[in-house]
PDB file of N, CA and C in Angstrom:
ATOM      1  N   MET A   1     109.418  95.123  95.579  1.00  0.00           N
ATOM      2  CA  MET A   1     108.856  95.755  96.779  1.00  0.00           C
ATOM      3  C   MET A   1     107.335  95.635  96.789  1.00  0.00           C
ATOM      4  N   SER A   2     106.727  95.873  95.621  1.00  0.00           N
ATOM      5  CA  SER A   2     105.265  95.810  95.580  1.00  0.00           C
ATOM      6  C   SER A   2     104.763  94.384  95.826  1.00  0.00           C
ATOM      7  N   ASP A   3     105.557  93.381  95.398  1.00  0.00           N
ATOM      8  CA  ASP A   3     105.167  91.997  95.655  1.00  0.00           C
ATOM      9  C   ASP A   3     105.144  91.705  97.150  1.00  0.00           C
ATOM     10  N   GLN A   4     106.104  92.279  97.848  1.00  0.00           N
ATOM     11  CA  GLN A   4     106.176  92.066  99.295  1.00  0.00           C
ATOM     12  C   GLN A   4     104.955  92.680  99.982  1.00  0.00           C
ATOM     13  N   ILE A   5     104.575  93.873  99.557  1.00  0.00           N
ATOM     14  CA  ILE A   5     103.403  94.540 100.128  1.00  0.00           C
ATOM     15  C   ILE A   5     102.148  93.727  99.820  1.00  0.00           C
ATOM     16  N   ARG A   6     102.054  93.224  98.594  1.00  0.00           N
ATOM     17  CA  ARG A   6     100.888  92.448  98.202  1.00  0.00           C
ATOM     18  C   ARG A   6     100.786  91.173  99.053  1.00  0.00           C
ATOM     19  N   MET A   7     101.917  90.530  99.285  1.00  0.00           N
ATOM     20  CA  MET A   7     101.920  89.327 100.121  1.00  0.00           C
ATOM     21  C   MET A   7     101.421  89.639 101.524  1.00  0.00           C
ATOM     22  N   GLN A   8     101.854  90.771 102.075  1.00  0.00           N
ATOM     23  CA  GLN A   8     101.408  91.147 103.408  1.00  0.00           C
ATOM     24  C   GLN A   8      99.901  91.402 103.420  1.00  0.00           C
ATOM     25  N   ASP A   9      99.400  92.002 102.356  1.00  0.00           N
ATOM     26  CA  ASP A   9      97.965  92.263 102.261  1.00  0.00           C
ATOM     27  C   ASP A   9      97.170  90.968 102.206  1.00  0.00           C
ATOM     28  N   GLU A  10      97.720  89.951 101.546  1.00  0.00           N
ATOM     29  CA  GLU A  10      96.984  88.703 101.373  1.00  0.00           C
ATOM     30  C   GLU A  10      97.062  87.806 102.600  1.00  0.00           C
ATOM     31  N   GLN A  11      98.038  88.050 103.465  1.00  0.00           N
ATOM     32  CA  GLN A  11      98.165  87.232 104.671  1.00  0.00           C
ATOM     33  C   GLN A  11      97.045  87.572 105.644  1.00  0.00           C
ATOM     34  N   GLU A  12      96.568  86.526 106.325  1.00  0.00           N
ATOM     35  CA  GLU A  12      95.553  86.764 107.345  1.00  0.00           C
ATOM     36  C   GLU A  12      96.238  87.215 108.623  1.00  0.00           C
ATOM     37  N   ALA A  13      95.686  88.225 109.239  1.00  0.00           N
ATOM     38  CA  ALA A  13      96.217  88.732 110.500  1.00  0.00           C
ATOM     39  C   ALA A  13      95.070  89.358 111.283  1.00  0.00           C
ATOM     40  N   TRP A  14      95.284  89.544 112.561  1.00  0.00           N
ATOM     41  CA  TRP A  14      94.273  90.211 113.387  1.00  0.00           C
ATOM     42  C   TRP A  14      94.445  91.714 113.268  1.00  0.00           C
ATOM     43  N   TYR A  15      93.374  92.415 113.014  1.00  0.00           N
ATOM     44  CA  TYR A  15      93.403  93.868 112.923  1.00  0.00           C
ATOM     45  C   TYR A  15      92.473  94.452 113.970  1.00  0.00           C
ATOM     46  N   VAL A  16      92.899  95.569 114.534  1.00  0.00           N
ATOM     47  CA  VAL A  16      92.080  96.268 115.524  1.00  0.00           C
ATOM     48  C   VAL A  16      91.358  97.396 114.814  1.00  0.00           C
ATOM     49  N   MET A  17      90.051  97.484 114.991  1.00  0.00           N
ATOM     50  CA  MET A  17      89.282  98.533 114.338  1.00  0.00           C
ATOM     51  C   MET A  17      88.432  99.275 115.361  1.00  0.00           C
ATOM     52  N   ARG A  18      88.328 100.560 115.154  1.00  0.00           N
ATOM     53  CA  ARG A  18      87.435 101.367 115.986  1.00  0.00           C
ATOM     54  C   ARG A  18      86.719 102.352 115.071  1.00  0.00           C
ATOM     55  N   PHE A  19      85.420 102.412 115.199  1.00  0.00           N
ATOM     56  CA  PHE A  19      84.676 103.363 114.388  1.00  0.00           C
ATOM     57  C   PHE A  19      84.946 104.767 114.901  1.00  0.00           C
ATOM     58  N   ALA A  20      85.337 105.639 113.987  1.00  0.00           N
ATOM     59  CA  ALA A  20      85.775 106.977 114.381  1.00  0.00           C
ATOM     60  C   ALA A  20      84.603 107.832 114.859  1.00  0.00           C
ATOM     61  N   LYS A  21      83.507 107.817 114.113  1.00  0.00           N
ATOM     62  CA  LYS A  21      82.360 108.645 114.475  1.00  0.00           C
ATOM     63  C   LYS A  21      81.403 107.782 115.294  1.00  0.00           C
ATOM     64  N   ARG A  22      81.632 107.781 116.579  1.00  0.00           N
ATOM     65  CA  ARG A  22      80.922 106.838 117.450  1.00  0.00           C
ATOM     66  C   ARG A  22      79.412 107.085 117.459  1.00  0.00           C
ATOM     67  N   ASN A  23      79.008 108.353 117.421  1.00  0.00           N
ATOM     68  CA  ASN A  23      77.583 108.659 117.505  1.00  0.00           C
ATOM     69  C   ASN A  23      76.829 108.302 116.227  1.00  0.00           C
ATOM     70  N   GLN A  24      77.565 108.160 115.137  1.00  0.00           N
ATOM     71  CA  GLN A  24      76.924 107.920 113.848  1.00  0.00           C
ATOM     72  C   GLN A  24      76.474 106.470 113.709  1.00  0.00           C
ATOM     73  N   TYR A  25      77.186 105.559 114.358  1.00  0.00           N
ATOM     74  CA  TYR A  25      76.874 104.142 114.222  1.00  0.00           C
ATOM     75  C   TYR A  25      76.468 103.583 115.569  1.00  0.00           C
ATOM     76  N   HIS A  26      75.313 102.968 115.608  1.00  0.00           N
ATOM     77  CA  HIS A  26      74.842 102.385 116.856  1.00  0.00           C
ATOM     78  C   HIS A  26      75.381 100.966 116.979  1.00  0.00           C
ATOM     79  N   SER A  27      75.401 100.470 118.214  1.00  0.00           N
ATOM     80  CA  SER A  27      75.920  99.127 118.470  1.00  0.00           C
ATOM     81  C   SER A  27      75.200  98.083 117.622  1.00  0.00           C
ATOM     82  N   GLU A  28      73.919  98.294 117.374  1.00  0.00           N
ATOM     83  CA  GLU A  28      73.141  97.347 116.574  1.00  0.00           C
ATOM     84  C   GLU A  28      73.710  97.244 115.161  1.00  0.00           C
ATOM     85  N   GLN A  29      74.090  98.384 114.586  1.00  0.00           N
ATOM     86  CA  GLN A  29      74.652  98.384 113.237  1.00  0.00           C
ATOM     87  C   GLN A  29      76.021  97.722 113.212  1.00  0.00           C
ATOM     88  N   VAL A  30      76.801  97.954 114.282  1.00  0.00           N
ATOM     89  CA  VAL A  30      78.115  97.316 114.362  1.00  0.00           C
ATOM     90  C   VAL A  30      77.938  95.807 114.458  1.00  0.00           C
ATOM     91  N   GLN A  31      76.967  95.371 115.261  1.00  0.00           N
ATOM     92  CA  GLN A  31      76.699  93.937 115.397  1.00  0.00           C
ATOM     93  C   GLN A  31      76.298  93.338 114.049  1.00  0.00           C
ATOM     94  N   THR A  32      75.495  94.070 113.285  1.00  0.00           N
ATOM     95  CA  THR A  32      75.106  93.618 111.953  1.00  0.00           C
ATOM     96  C   THR A  32      76.327  93.451 111.058  1.00  0.00           C
ATOM     97  N   LEU A  33      77.255  94.414 111.145  1.00  0.00           N
ATOM     98  CA  LEU A  33      78.481  94.338 110.358  1.00  0.00           C
ATOM     99  C   LEU A  33      79.293  93.111 110.740  1.00  0.00           C
ATOM    100  N   LEU A  34      79.440  92.874 112.052  1.00  0.00           N
ATOM    101  CA  LEU A  34      80.241  91.741 112.508  1.00  0.00           C
ATOM    102  C   LEU A  34      79.635  90.424 112.026  1.00  0.00           C
ATOM    103  N   GLU A  35      78.320  90.314 112.082  1.00  0.00           N
ATOM    104  CA  GLU A  35      77.655  89.087 111.621  1.00  0.00           C
ATOM    105  C   GLU A  35      77.868  88.904 110.118  1.00  0.00           C
ATOM    106  N   ALA A  36      77.783  89.996 109.367  1.00  0.00           N
ATOM    107  CA  ALA A  36      77.987  89.917 107.918  1.00  0.00           C
ATOM    108  C   ALA A  36      79.424  89.511 107.595  1.00  0.00           C
ATOM    109  N   MET A  37      80.373  90.033 108.359  1.00  0.00           N
ATOM    110  CA  MET A  37      81.767  89.676 108.139  1.00  0.00           C
ATOM    111  C   MET A  37      82.002  88.193 108.428  1.00  0.00           C
ATOM    112  N   GLN A  38      81.355  87.697 109.489  1.00  0.00           N
ATOM    113  CA  GLN A  38      81.492  86.277 109.820  1.00  0.00           C
ATOM    114  C   GLN A  38      80.953  85.402 108.694  1.00  0.00           C
ATOM    115  N   GLN A  39      79.850  85.831 108.083  1.00  0.00           N
ATOM    116  CA  GLN A  39      79.272  85.055 106.983  1.00  0.00           C
ATOM    117  C   GLN A  39      80.219  85.018 105.779  1.00  0.00           C
ATOM    118  N   LYS A  40      81.074  86.038 105.648  1.00  0.00           N
ATOM    119  CA  LYS A  40      82.042  86.080 104.549  1.00  0.00           C
ATOM    120  C   LYS A  40      83.346  85.374 104.917  1.00  0.00           C
ATOM    121  N   GLY A  41      83.372  84.746 106.076  1.00  0.00           N
ATOM    122  CA  GLY A  41      84.554  83.983 106.468  1.00  0.00           C
ATOM    123  C   GLY A  41      85.628  84.789 107.165  1.00  0.00           C
ATOM    124  N   ILE A  42      85.296  86.004 107.602  1.00  0.00           N
ATOM    125  CA  ILE A  42      86.254  86.815 108.358  1.00  0.00           C
ATOM    126  C   ILE A  42      85.968  86.599 109.842  1.00  0.00           C
ATOM    127  N   ALA A  43      86.984  86.178 110.573  1.00  0.00           N
ATOM    128  CA  ALA A  43      86.799  85.981 112.015  1.00  0.00           C
ATOM    129  C   ALA A  43      86.747  87.344 112.696  1.00  0.00           C
ATOM    130  N   VAL A  44      85.764  87.531 113.574  1.00  0.00           N
ATOM    131  CA  VAL A  44      85.652  88.800 114.284  1.00  0.00           C
ATOM    132  C   VAL A  44      85.507  88.543 115.780  1.00  0.00           C
ATOM    133  N   PHE A  45      85.937  89.505 116.560  1.00  0.00           N
ATOM    134  CA  PHE A  45      85.916  89.369 118.005  1.00  0.00           C
ATOM    135  C   PHE A  45      85.690  90.736 118.615  1.00  0.00           C
ATOM    136  N   ARG A  46      84.694  90.842 119.463  1.00  0.00           N
ATOM    137  CA  ARG A  46      84.455  92.090 120.192  1.00  0.00           C
ATOM    138  C   ARG A  46      84.922  91.889 121.619  1.00  0.00           C
ATOM    139  N   PRO A  47      85.878  92.682 122.078  1.00  0.00           N
ATOM    140  CA  PRO A  47      86.338  92.522 123.449  1.00  0.00           C
ATOM    141  C   PRO A  47      85.240  92.882 124.449  1.00  0.00           C
ATOM    142  N   MET A  48      85.222  92.177 125.544  1.00  0.00           N
ATOM    143  CA  MET A  48      84.233  92.440 126.593  1.00  0.00           C
ATOM    144  C   MET A  48      84.978  92.879 127.852  1.00  0.00           C
ATOM    145  N   GLN A  49      84.299  93.658 128.667  1.00  0.00           N
ATOM    146  CA  GLN A  49      84.895  94.035 129.943  1.00  0.00           C
ATOM    147  C   GLN A  49      83.916  93.685 131.057  1.00  0.00           C
ATOM    148  N   GLU A  50      84.479  93.296 132.179  1.00  0.00           N
ATOM    149  CA  GLU A  50      83.636  92.974 133.328  1.00  0.00           C
ATOM    150  C   GLU A  50      83.216  94.261 134.005  1.00  0.00           C
ATOM    151  N   GLN A  51      81.954  94.310 134.407  1.00  0.00           N
ATOM    152  CA  GLN A  51      81.468  95.457 135.158  1.00  0.00           C
ATOM    153  C   GLN A  51      80.794  94.946 136.420  1.00  0.00           C
ATOM    154  N   LEU A  52      80.992  95.680 137.486  1.00  0.00           N
ATOM    155  CA  LEU A  52      80.307  95.334 138.726  1.00  0.00           C
ATOM    156  C   LEU A  52      79.024  96.141 138.783  1.00  0.00           C
ATOM    157  N   CYS A  53      77.900  95.455 138.867  1.00  0.00           N
ATOM    158  CA  CYS A  53      76.606  96.115 138.914  1.00  0.00           C
ATOM    159  C   CYS A  53      76.000  95.868 140.291  1.00  0.00           C
ATOM    160  N   GLN A  54      75.424  96.897 140.844  1.00  0.00           N
ATOM    161  CA  GLN A  54      74.770  96.730 142.138  1.00  0.00           C
ATOM    162  C   GLN A  54      73.268  96.656 141.911  1.00  0.00           C
ATOM    163  N   ARG A  55      72.706  95.497 142.215  1.00  0.00           N
ATOM    164  CA  ARG A  55      71.259  95.313 142.065  1.00  0.00           C
ATOM    165  C   ARG A  55      70.717  94.738 143.356  1.00  0.00           C
ATOM    166  N   GLY A  56      69.751  95.402 143.899  1.00  0.00           N
ATOM    167  CA  GLY A  56      69.119  94.897 145.114  1.00  0.00           C
ATOM    168  C   GLY A  56      70.115  94.717 146.254  1.00  0.00           C
ATOM    169  N   GLY A  57      71.112  95.609 146.301  1.00  0.00           N
ATOM    170  CA  GLY A  57      72.081  95.537 147.384  1.00  0.00           C
ATOM    171  C   GLY A  57      73.173  94.503 147.173  1.00  0.00           C
ATOM    172  N   LYS A  58      73.106  93.745 146.067  1.00  0.00           N
ATOM    173  CA  LYS A  58      74.130  92.738 145.797  1.00  0.00           C
ATOM    174  C   LYS A  58      74.980  93.169 144.614  1.00  0.00           C
ATOM    175  N   LEU A  59      76.270  92.907 144.732  1.00  0.00           N
ATOM    176  CA  LEU A  59      77.166  93.198 143.615  1.00  0.00           C
ATOM    177  C   LEU A  59      77.168  92.013 142.659  1.00  0.00           C
ATOM    178  N   ARG A  60      76.968  92.287 141.388  1.00  0.00           N
ATOM    179  CA  ARG A  60      76.976  91.224 140.382  1.00  0.00           C
ATOM    180  C   ARG A  60      77.913  91.615 139.261  1.00  0.00           C
ATOM    181  N   LYS A  61      78.613  90.638 138.763  1.00  0.00           N
ATOM    182  CA  LYS A  61      79.485  90.898 137.612  1.00  0.00           C
ATOM    183  C   LYS A  61      78.666  90.754 136.335  1.00  0.00           C
ATOM    184  N   SER A  62      78.917  91.631 135.397  1.00  0.00           N
ATOM    185  CA  SER A  62      78.282  91.472 134.094  1.00  0.00           C
ATOM    186  C   SER A  62      79.307  91.786 133.018  1.00  0.00           C
ATOM    187  N   LEU A  63      79.193  91.092 131.909  1.00  0.00           N
ATOM    188  CA  LEU A  63      80.088  91.346 130.781  1.00  0.00           C
ATOM    189  C   LEU A  63      79.418  92.335 129.843  1.00  0.00           C
ATOM    190  N   GLN A  64      80.115  93.403 129.552  1.00  0.00           N
ATOM    191  CA  GLN A  64      79.585  94.433 128.660  1.00  0.00           C
ATOM    192  C   GLN A  64      80.588  94.648 127.527  1.00  0.00           C
ATOM    193  N   PRO A  65      80.101  94.984 126.341  1.00  0.00           N
ATOM    194  CA  PRO A  65      81.060  95.326 125.280  1.00  0.00           C
ATOM    195  C   PRO A  65      81.901  96.519 125.724  1.00  0.00           C
ATOM    196  N   VAL A  66      83.170  96.509 125.343  1.00  0.00           N
ATOM    197  CA  VAL A  66      84.050  97.616 125.685  1.00  0.00           C
ATOM    198  C   VAL A  66      83.495  98.893 125.068  1.00  0.00           C
ATOM    199  N   LEU A  67      83.591  99.967 125.816  1.00  0.00           N
ATOM    200  CA  LEU A  67      83.044 101.239 125.348  1.00  0.00           C
ATOM    201  C   LEU A  67      83.649 101.627 124.009  1.00  0.00           C
ATOM    202  N   GLY A  68      82.820 102.167 123.160  1.00  0.00           N
ATOM    203  CA  GLY A  68      83.268 102.512 121.811  1.00  0.00           C
ATOM    204  C   GLY A  68      83.076 101.311 120.907  1.00  0.00           C
ATOM    205  N   ASP A  69      83.017 101.552 119.631  1.00  0.00           N
ATOM    206  CA  ASP A  69      82.809 100.464 118.685  1.00  0.00           C
ATOM    207  C   ASP A  69      84.158  99.908 118.266  1.00  0.00           C
ATOM    208  N   LEU A  70      84.730  99.117 119.167  1.00  0.00           N
ATOM    209  CA  LEU A  70      86.051  98.538 118.956  1.00  0.00           C
ATOM    210  C   LEU A  70      85.878  97.045 118.708  1.00  0.00           C
ATOM    211  N   PHE A  71      86.572  96.537 117.697  1.00  0.00           N
ATOM    212  CA  PHE A  71      86.541  95.093 117.500  1.00  0.00           C
ATOM    213  C   PHE A  71      87.784  94.636 116.762  1.00  0.00           C
ATOM    214  N   PHE A  72      88.025  93.349 116.836  1.00  0.00           N
ATOM    215  CA  PHE A  72      89.152  92.738 116.152  1.00  0.00           C
ATOM    216  C   PHE A  72      88.606  91.895 115.010  1.00  0.00           C
ATOM    217  N   ALA A  73      89.291  91.903 113.904  1.00  0.00           N
ATOM    218  CA  ALA A  73      88.878  91.083 112.768  1.00  0.00           C
ATOM    219  C   ALA A  73      90.102  90.388 112.204  1.00  0.00           C
ATOM    220  N   LYS A  74      89.913  89.150 111.764  1.00  0.00           N
ATOM    221  CA  LYS A  74      91.029  88.402 111.188  1.00  0.00           C
ATOM    222  C   LYS A  74      90.728  88.102 109.730  1.00  0.00           C
ATOM    223  N   GLY A  75      91.586  88.583 108.866  1.00  0.00           N
ATOM    224  CA  GLY A  75      91.451  88.365 107.437  1.00  0.00           C
ATOM    225  C   GLY A  75      92.567  89.133 106.761  1.00  0.00           C
ATOM    226  N   SER A  76      92.544  89.185 105.444  1.00  0.00           N
ATOM    227  CA  SER A  76      93.558  89.992 104.770  1.00  0.00           C
ATOM    228  C   SER A  76      93.150  91.462 104.900  1.00  0.00           C
ATOM    229  N   ARG A  77      94.149  92.313 104.928  1.00  0.00           N
ATOM    230  CA  ARG A  77      93.900  93.746 105.097  1.00  0.00           C
ATOM    231  C   ARG A  77      92.960  94.274 104.023  1.00  0.00           C
ATOM    232  N   GLN A  78      93.219  93.894 102.779  1.00  0.00           N
ATOM    233  CA  GLN A  78      92.408  94.395 101.667  1.00  0.00           C
ATOM    234  C   GLN A  78      90.973  93.892 101.754  1.00  0.00           C
ATOM    235  N   GLN A  79      90.813  92.619 102.106  1.00  0.00           N
ATOM    236  CA  GLN A  79      89.483  92.022 102.217  1.00  0.00           C
ATOM    237  C   GLN A  79      88.648  92.760 103.260  1.00  0.00           C
ATOM    238  N   ILE A  80      89.265  93.019 104.404  1.00  0.00           N
ATOM    239  CA  ILE A  80      88.540  93.697 105.480  1.00  0.00           C
ATOM    240  C   ILE A  80      88.246  95.140 105.097  1.00  0.00           C
ATOM    241  N   ALA A  81      89.245  95.828 104.544  1.00  0.00           N
ATOM    242  CA  ALA A  81      89.061  97.229 104.162  1.00  0.00           C
ATOM    243  C   ALA A  81      87.947  97.368 103.128  1.00  0.00           C
ATOM    244  N   ASP A  82      87.954  96.505 102.123  1.00  0.00           N
ATOM    245  CA  ASP A  82      86.919  96.563 101.084  1.00  0.00           C
ATOM    246  C   ASP A  82      85.547  96.289 101.678  1.00  0.00           C
ATOM    247  N   PHE A  83      85.481  95.314 102.570  1.00  0.00           N
ATOM    248  CA  PHE A  83      84.187  94.915 103.114  1.00  0.00           C
ATOM    249  C   PHE A  83      83.602  96.014 103.991  1.00  0.00           C
ATOM    250  N   VAL A  84      84.425  96.590 104.854  1.00  0.00           N
ATOM    251  CA  VAL A  84      83.930  97.643 105.742  1.00  0.00           C
ATOM    252  C   VAL A  84      83.496  98.855 104.932  1.00  0.00           C
ATOM    253  N   GLU A  85      84.287  99.217 103.928  1.00  0.00           N
ATOM    254  CA  GLU A  85      83.937 100.371 103.105  1.00  0.00           C
ATOM    255  C   GLU A  85      82.655 100.103 102.325  1.00  0.00           C
ATOM    256  N   PHE A  86      82.494  98.855 101.860  1.00  0.00           N
ATOM    257  CA  PHE A  86      81.306  98.478 101.108  1.00  0.00           C
ATOM    258  C   PHE A  86      80.054  98.568 101.980  1.00  0.00           C
ATOM    259  N   VAL A  87      80.162  98.124 103.217  1.00  0.00           N
ATOM    260  CA  VAL A  87      78.982  98.090 104.078  1.00  0.00           C
ATOM    261  C   VAL A  87      78.632  99.471 104.612  1.00  0.00           C
ATOM    262  N   PHE A  88      79.640 100.209 105.059  1.00  0.00           N
ATOM    263  CA  PHE A  88      79.355 101.459 105.766  1.00  0.00           C
ATOM    264  C   PHE A  88      79.783 102.716 105.019  1.00  0.00           C
ATOM    265  N   GLY A  89      80.333 102.580 103.822  1.00  0.00           N
ATOM    266  CA  GLY A  89      80.852 103.764 103.162  1.00  0.00           C
ATOM    267  C   GLY A  89      82.164 104.169 103.817  1.00  0.00           C
ATOM    268  N   GLN A  90      82.368 105.445 103.971  1.00  0.00           N
ATOM    269  CA  GLN A  90      83.647 105.925 104.509  1.00  0.00           C
ATOM    270  C   GLN A  90      83.675 105.757 106.021  1.00  0.00           C
ATOM    271  N   VAL A  91      84.105 104.612 106.469  1.00  0.00           N
ATOM    272  CA  VAL A  91      84.288 104.356 107.894  1.00  0.00           C
ATOM    273  C   VAL A  91      85.779 104.393 108.171  1.00  0.00           C
ATOM    274  N   GLN A  92      86.157 105.162 109.161  1.00  0.00           N
ATOM    275  CA  GLN A  92      87.578 105.257 109.483  1.00  0.00           C
ATOM    276  C   GLN A  92      87.933 104.187 110.503  1.00  0.00           C
ATOM    277  N   PHE A  93      88.930 103.414 110.194  1.00  0.00           N
ATOM    278  CA  PHE A  93      89.452 102.471 111.173  1.00  0.00           C
ATOM    279  C   PHE A  93      90.931 102.332 110.943  1.00  0.00           C
ATOM    280  N   LYS A  94      91.639 101.858 111.938  1.00  0.00           N
ATOM    281  CA  LYS A  94      93.087 101.764 111.791  1.00  0.00           C
ATOM    282  C   LYS A  94      93.541 100.333 111.990  1.00  0.00           C
ATOM    283  N   PHE A  95      94.633 100.000 111.328  1.00  0.00           N
ATOM    284  CA  PHE A  95      95.225  98.681 111.473  1.00  0.00           C
ATOM    285  C   PHE A  95      96.346  98.769 112.491  1.00  0.00           C
ATOM    286  N   LYS A  96      96.476  97.725 113.308  1.00  0.00           N
ATOM    287  CA  LYS A  96      97.596  97.660 114.258  1.00  0.00           C
ATOM    288  C   LYS A  96      98.321  96.366 114.043  1.00  0.00           C
TER     289      LYS A  96
END
């Protein structure tokens, strides 16, 4: 049984993460984390949402990061968990 769990941990998969204490971490720090993860070979993706902005009477679409510090990362569960904990200490995130 433990071998099966270990295999799942070593497999690369996409994980959804959200920083629990949103006010504690600014977007700049999250961006720094994502860049550091990319340098370690972990694929990361921040979802974007379209927003309609009204400027000068014209509606313009703009892409903004989704509210909250939500991102997807691809790597082994253990690798990602260790890396996030190493960079930010006790950061709560969940795997899906």
